[in-house]
Amino acid sequence: MSLLSSRTMTPPQSTMKNKDLYQIVPFKKFPNTKAWKLTSEYVRRKSRTYRADWLKGVKPPEGTGICYTCYALMPLNKLVAGHFREKRGNASIYFDLRGIRAQCYRCNRILHGNYGVFMLRLLDEIGRKEIDDLIKKSQKPKQWTRAELLKIEKSLEQELKKIK
């Protein structure tokens, strides 16, 4: 084997996997990760339980969910996962389910999360202590590794099986 060909050889597959697990995933790539797609799906499916008194105990039709801020009944694929704090600069809470709720496009994008209503409802739902904890957590820098994202994926796959 020549010296040139030995340089182009790749290490065994198992070594590459272990090395890749601890690579840091850039923040701008989060929306394309399986972990985020599962988080978004989980949040949208859980939206079927919002505001049960508004529906007078009737479950929303299959394949629909409720916007957390305006209570609009919409198809699940028209809802998005909205964060209680702006995502940019708050990577540490990007996957924290305590601060993510399903929202319609209008509330999330056009009204920039409908922040006032979102916070009031979240305050009623989880309480001041949890919100303070989320705010403190959001102020700490965080870089996610592939291993952490895989762990999130596995736990969300299990949770999705429970609620389907």
C-alpha atoms as a PDB file:
ATOM      1  CA  MET A   1       0.000   0.000   0.000  1.00  0.00           C
ATOM      2  CA  SER A   2       1.407   3.367  -0.954  1.00  0.00           C
ATOM      3  CA  LEU A   3       1.716   6.314   1.393  1.00  0.00           C
ATOM      4  CA  LEU A   4      -0.787   8.319  -0.642  1.00  0.00           C
ATOM      5  CA  SER A   5      -3.538   5.727  -0.383  1.00  0.00           C
ATOM      6  CA  SER A   6      -3.039   5.370   3.380  1.00  0.00           C
ATOM      7  CA  ARG A   7      -3.771   9.078   3.836  1.00  0.00           C
ATOM      8  CA  THR A   8      -7.108   8.839   2.064  1.00  0.00           C
ATOM      9  CA  MET A   9      -8.336   5.869   4.043  1.00  0.00           C
ATOM     10  CA  THR A  10     -11.062   6.587   6.545  1.00  0.00           C
ATOM     11  CA  PRO A  11     -10.895   5.337  10.118  1.00  0.00           C
ATOM     12  CA  PRO A  12     -13.080   2.378  11.110  1.00  0.00           C
ATOM     13  CA  GLN A  13     -16.783   3.205  11.235  1.00  0.00           C
ATOM     14  CA  SER A  14     -17.088   2.770  15.025  1.00  0.00           C
ATOM     15  CA  THR A  15     -14.399   5.415  15.687  1.00  0.00           C
ATOM     16  CA  MET A  16     -16.151   7.912  13.440  1.00  0.00           C
ATOM     17  CA  LYS A  17     -19.453   7.405  15.254  1.00  0.00           C
ATOM     18  CA  ASN A  18     -17.955   7.992  18.707  1.00  0.00           C
ATOM     19  CA  LYS A  19     -16.137  11.084  17.507  1.00  0.00           C
ATOM     20  CA  ASP A  20     -19.271  12.443  15.832  1.00  0.00           C
ATOM     21  CA  LEU A  21     -21.375  11.961  18.959  1.00  0.00           C
ATOM     22  CA  TYR A  22     -19.477  14.649  20.792  1.00  0.00           C
ATOM     23  CA  GLN A  23     -19.380  17.153  17.955  1.00  0.00           C
ATOM     24  CA  ILE A  24     -21.150  20.386  18.728  1.00  0.00           C
ATOM     25  CA  VAL A  25     -24.196  21.054  16.563  1.00  0.00           C
ATOM     26  CA  PRO A  26     -24.351  24.674  15.341  1.00  0.00           C
ATOM     27  CA  PHE A  27     -27.431  26.557  16.547  1.00  0.00           C
ATOM     28  CA  LYS A  28     -28.564  27.435  13.029  1.00  0.00           C
ATOM     29  CA  LYS A  29     -28.867  23.700  12.239  1.00  0.00           C
ATOM     30  CA  PHE A  30     -31.269  22.907  15.113  1.00  0.00           C
ATOM     31  CA  PRO A  31     -34.460  23.246  13.029  1.00  0.00           C
ATOM     32  CA  ASN A  32     -33.153  20.540  10.685  1.00  0.00           C
ATOM     33  CA  THR A  33     -32.371  17.999  13.398  1.00  0.00           C
ATOM     34  CA  LYS A  34     -34.533  14.991  14.108  1.00  0.00           C
ATOM     35  CA  ALA A  35     -34.622  16.091  17.757  1.00  0.00           C
ATOM     36  CA  TRP A  36     -36.317  19.367  16.814  1.00  0.00           C
ATOM     37  CA  LYS A  37     -38.763  17.689  14.431  1.00  0.00           C
ATOM     38  CA  LEU A  38     -39.797  15.255  17.177  1.00  0.00           C
ATOM     39  CA  THR A  39     -40.031  18.095  19.719  1.00  0.00           C
ATOM     40  CA  SER A  40     -42.271  20.057  17.380  1.00  0.00           C
ATOM     41  CA  GLU A  41     -44.485  17.052  16.664  1.00  0.00           C
ATOM     42  CA  TYR A  42     -44.783  16.244  20.363  1.00  0.00           C
ATOM     43  CA  VAL A  43     -45.730  19.836  21.247  1.00  0.00           C
ATOM     44  CA  ARG A  44     -48.319  19.996  18.458  1.00  0.00           C
ATOM     45  CA  ARG A  45     -49.875  16.666  19.466  1.00  0.00           C
ATOM     46  CA  LYS A  46     -50.019  17.747  23.111  1.00  0.00           C
ATOM     47  CA  SER A  47     -51.939  20.848  21.987  1.00  0.00           C
ATOM     48  CA  ARG A  48     -55.007  18.662  21.722  1.00  0.00           C
ATOM     49  CA  THR A  49     -55.304  18.928  25.511  1.00  0.00           C
ATOM     50  CA  TYR A  50     -55.233  22.750  25.773  1.00  0.00           C
ATOM     51  CA  ARG A  51     -58.291  24.530  26.965  1.00  0.00           C
ATOM     52  CA  ALA A  52     -60.467  21.491  27.623  1.00  0.00           C
ATOM     53  CA  ASP A  53     -63.139  23.710  29.237  1.00  0.00           C
ATOM     54  CA  TRP A  54     -63.484  25.683  25.988  1.00  0.00           C
ATOM     55  CA  LEU A  55     -64.368  22.470  24.175  1.00  0.00           C
ATOM     56  CA  LYS A  56     -66.634  21.447  27.069  1.00  0.00           C
ATOM     57  CA  GLY A  57     -64.820  18.152  27.547  1.00  0.00           C
ATOM     58  CA  VAL A  58     -65.039  17.189  23.867  1.00  0.00           C
ATOM     59  CA  LYS A  59     -61.761  16.074  22.339  1.00  0.00           C
ATOM     60  CA  PRO A  60     -60.753  17.985  19.188  1.00  0.00           C
ATOM     61  CA  PRO A  61     -61.209  16.034  15.944  1.00  0.00           C
ATOM     62  CA  GLU A  62     -58.345  13.689  15.025  1.00  0.00           C
ATOM     63  CA  GLY A  63     -55.496  15.489  13.279  1.00  0.00           C
ATOM     64  CA  THR A  64     -56.294  18.885  14.801  1.00  0.00           C
ATOM     65  CA  GLY A  65     -54.783  20.913  17.631  1.00  0.00           C
ATOM     66  CA  ILE A  66     -55.385  24.151  19.483  1.00  0.00           C
ATOM     67  CA  CYS A  67     -53.240  27.296  19.370  1.00  0.00           C
ATOM     68  CA  TYR A  68     -52.019  28.069  22.881  1.00  0.00           C
ATOM     69  CA  THR A  69     -52.470  31.825  22.577  1.00  0.00           C
ATOM     70  CA  CYS A  70     -55.635  32.352  20.507  1.00  0.00           C
ATOM     71  CA  TYR A  71     -57.335  28.948  20.970  1.00  0.00           C
ATOM     72  CA  ALA A  72     -57.852  28.517  17.224  1.00  0.00           C
ATOM     73  CA  LEU A  73     -58.641  24.942  16.250  1.00  0.00           C
ATOM     74  CA  MET A  74     -56.348  23.998  13.352  1.00  0.00           C
ATOM     75  CA  PRO A  75     -54.893  20.987  11.561  1.00  0.00           C
ATOM     76  CA  LEU A  76     -51.725  19.784  13.327  1.00  0.00           C
ATOM     77  CA  ASN A  77     -49.593  20.504  10.265  1.00  0.00           C
ATOM     78  CA  LYS A  78     -50.628  24.195  10.408  1.00  0.00           C
ATOM     79  CA  LEU A  79     -49.438  24.595  14.008  1.00  0.00           C
ATOM     80  CA  VAL A  80     -45.843  25.405  14.942  1.00  0.00           C
ATOM     81  CA  ALA A  81     -43.932  24.976  18.185  1.00  0.00           C
ATOM     82  CA  GLY A  82     -43.557  28.401  19.792  1.00  0.00           C
ATOM     83  CA  HIS A  83     -41.013  29.244  22.496  1.00  0.00           C
ATOM     84  CA  PHE A  84     -41.742  31.499  25.444  1.00  0.00           C
ATOM     85  CA  ARG A  85     -38.421  33.274  24.800  1.00  0.00           C
ATOM     86  CA  GLU A  86     -36.911  34.135  21.455  1.00  0.00           C
ATOM     87  CA  LYS A  87     -34.920  31.145  20.215  1.00  0.00           C
ATOM     88  CA  ARG A  88     -31.889  33.115  19.084  1.00  0.00           C
ATOM     89  CA  GLY A  89     -29.447  33.444  21.963  1.00  0.00           C
ATOM     90  CA  ASN A  90     -31.349  31.009  24.168  1.00  0.00           C
ATOM     91  CA  ALA A  91     -29.998  27.655  22.999  1.00  0.00           C
ATOM     92  CA  SER A  92     -30.129  26.197  26.503  1.00  0.00           C
ATOM     93  CA  ILE A  93     -33.949  26.185  26.491  1.00  0.00           C
ATOM     94  CA  TYR A  94     -34.429  25.308  22.817  1.00  0.00           C
ATOM     95  CA  PHE A  95     -35.637  21.776  23.641  1.00  0.00           C
ATOM     96  CA  ASP A  96     -37.096  22.482  27.104  1.00  0.00           C
ATOM     97  CA  LEU A  97     -40.728  21.410  26.863  1.00  0.00           C
ATOM     98  CA  ARG A  98     -41.761  23.570  29.811  1.00  0.00           C
ATOM     99  CA  GLY A  99     -41.511  26.687  27.627  1.00  0.00           C
ATOM    100  CA  ILE A 100     -42.701  25.396  24.244  1.00  0.00           C
ATOM    101  CA  ARG A 101     -46.354  25.349  23.187  1.00  0.00           C
ATOM    102  CA  ALA A 102     -48.198  24.914  19.894  1.00  0.00           C
ATOM    103  CA  GLN A 103     -49.163  28.136  18.151  1.00  0.00           C
ATOM    104  CA  CYS A 104     -50.791  29.038  14.870  1.00  0.00           C
ATOM    105  CA  TYR A 105     -48.684  30.782  12.241  1.00  0.00           C
ATOM    106  CA  ARG A 106     -50.342  34.127  12.965  1.00  0.00           C
ATOM    107  CA  CYS A 107     -49.564  34.095  16.684  1.00  0.00           C
ATOM    108  CA  ASN A 108     -46.047  32.709  16.315  1.00  0.00           C
ATOM    109  CA  ARG A 109     -44.695  34.573  13.315  1.00  0.00           C
ATOM    110  CA  ILE A 110     -46.881  37.589  12.622  1.00  0.00           C
ATOM    111  CA  LEU A 111     -47.479  38.513  16.282  1.00  0.00           C
ATOM    112  CA  HIS A 112     -43.934  37.423  17.259  1.00  0.00           C
ATOM    113  CA  GLY A 113     -45.131  34.710  19.605  1.00  0.00           C
ATOM    114  CA  ASN A 114     -48.020  36.774  20.999  1.00  0.00           C
ATOM    115  CA  TYR A 115     -45.671  37.130  23.944  1.00  0.00           C
ATOM    116  CA  GLY A 116     -47.986  38.844  26.444  1.00  0.00           C
ATOM    117  CA  VAL A 117     -50.765  36.270  26.134  1.00  0.00           C
ATOM    118  CA  PHE A 118     -48.264  33.401  25.993  1.00  0.00           C
ATOM    119  CA  MET A 119     -46.592  34.501  29.232  1.00  0.00           C
ATOM    120  CA  LEU A 120     -49.871  35.027  31.092  1.00  0.00           C
ATOM    121  CA  ARG A 121     -51.142  31.576  30.134  1.00  0.00           C
ATOM    122  CA  LEU A 122     -47.798  29.959  30.902  1.00  0.00           C
ATOM    123  CA  LEU A 123     -47.750  31.694  34.288  1.00  0.00           C
ATOM    124  CA  ASP A 124     -51.176  30.252  35.085  1.00  0.00           C
ATOM    125  CA  GLU A 125     -50.178  26.834  33.828  1.00  0.00           C
ATOM    126  CA  ILE A 126     -46.692  26.217  35.292  1.00  0.00           C
ATOM    127  CA  GLY A 127     -46.276  28.978  37.868  1.00  0.00           C
ATOM    128  CA  ARG A 128     -43.805  31.742  38.586  1.00  0.00           C
ATOM    129  CA  LYS A 129     -41.094  29.481  39.998  1.00  0.00           C
ATOM    130  CA  GLU A 130     -40.852  27.406  36.796  1.00  0.00           C
ATOM    131  CA  ILE A 131     -40.795  30.528  34.615  1.00  0.00           C
ATOM    132  CA  ASP A 132     -38.014  32.034  36.727  1.00  0.00           C
ATOM    133  CA  ASP A 133     -36.102  28.764  36.402  1.00  0.00           C
ATOM    134  CA  LEU A 134     -36.519  28.828  32.604  1.00  0.00           C
ATOM    135  CA  ILE A 135     -35.334  32.444  32.432  1.00  0.00           C
ATOM    136  CA  LYS A 136     -32.231  31.634  34.494  1.00  0.00           C
ATOM    137  CA  LYS A 137     -31.544  28.596  32.346  1.00  0.00           C
ATOM    138  CA  SER A 138     -31.948  30.643  29.156  1.00  0.00           C
ATOM    139  CA  GLN A 139     -29.252  33.067  30.269  1.00  0.00           C
ATOM    140  CA  LYS A 140     -26.620  30.335  30.476  1.00  0.00           C
ATOM    141  CA  PRO A 141     -24.737  29.545  27.271  1.00  0.00           C
ATOM    142  CA  LYS A 142     -25.265  26.049  25.925  1.00  0.00           C
ATOM    143  CA  GLN A 143     -23.755  24.093  23.072  1.00  0.00           C
ATOM    144  CA  TRP A 144     -25.588  20.903  22.211  1.00  0.00           C
ATOM    145  CA  THR A 145     -23.690  17.784  21.179  1.00  0.00           C
ATOM    146  CA  ARG A 146     -24.994  15.095  18.864  1.00  0.00           C
ATOM    147  CA  ALA A 147     -25.127  12.695  21.836  1.00  0.00           C
ATOM    148  CA  GLU A 148     -27.467  15.048  23.715  1.00  0.00           C
ATOM    149  CA  LEU A 149     -29.685  15.403  20.661  1.00  0.00           C
ATOM    150  CA  LEU A 150     -29.834  11.602  20.274  1.00  0.00           C
ATOM    151  CA  LYS A 151     -30.914  11.309  23.906  1.00  0.00           C
ATOM    152  CA  ILE A 152     -33.698  13.859  23.282  1.00  0.00           C
ATOM    153  CA  GLU A 153     -34.769  11.942  20.167  1.00  0.00           C
ATOM    154  CA  LYS A 154     -35.066   8.651  22.048  1.00  0.00           C
ATOM    155  CA  SER A 155     -37.091  10.114  24.904  1.00  0.00           C
ATOM    156  CA  LEU A 156     -39.454  11.962  22.541  1.00  0.00           C
ATOM    157  CA  GLU A 157     -39.989   8.872  20.390  1.00  0.00           C
ATOM    158  CA  GLN A 158     -41.155   7.062  23.532  1.00  0.00           C
ATOM    159  CA  GLU A 159     -43.424   9.948  24.551  1.00  0.00           C
ATOM    160  CA  LEU A 160     -44.953  10.161  21.072  1.00  0.00           C
ATOM    161  CA  LYS A 161     -45.778   6.441  21.169  1.00  0.00           C
ATOM    162  CA  LYS A 162     -47.682   7.050  24.418  1.00  0.00           C
ATOM    163  CA  ILE A 163     -49.862   9.861  23.073  1.00  0.00           C
ATOM    164  CA  LYS A 164     -50.599   8.545  19.558  1.00  0.00           C
END
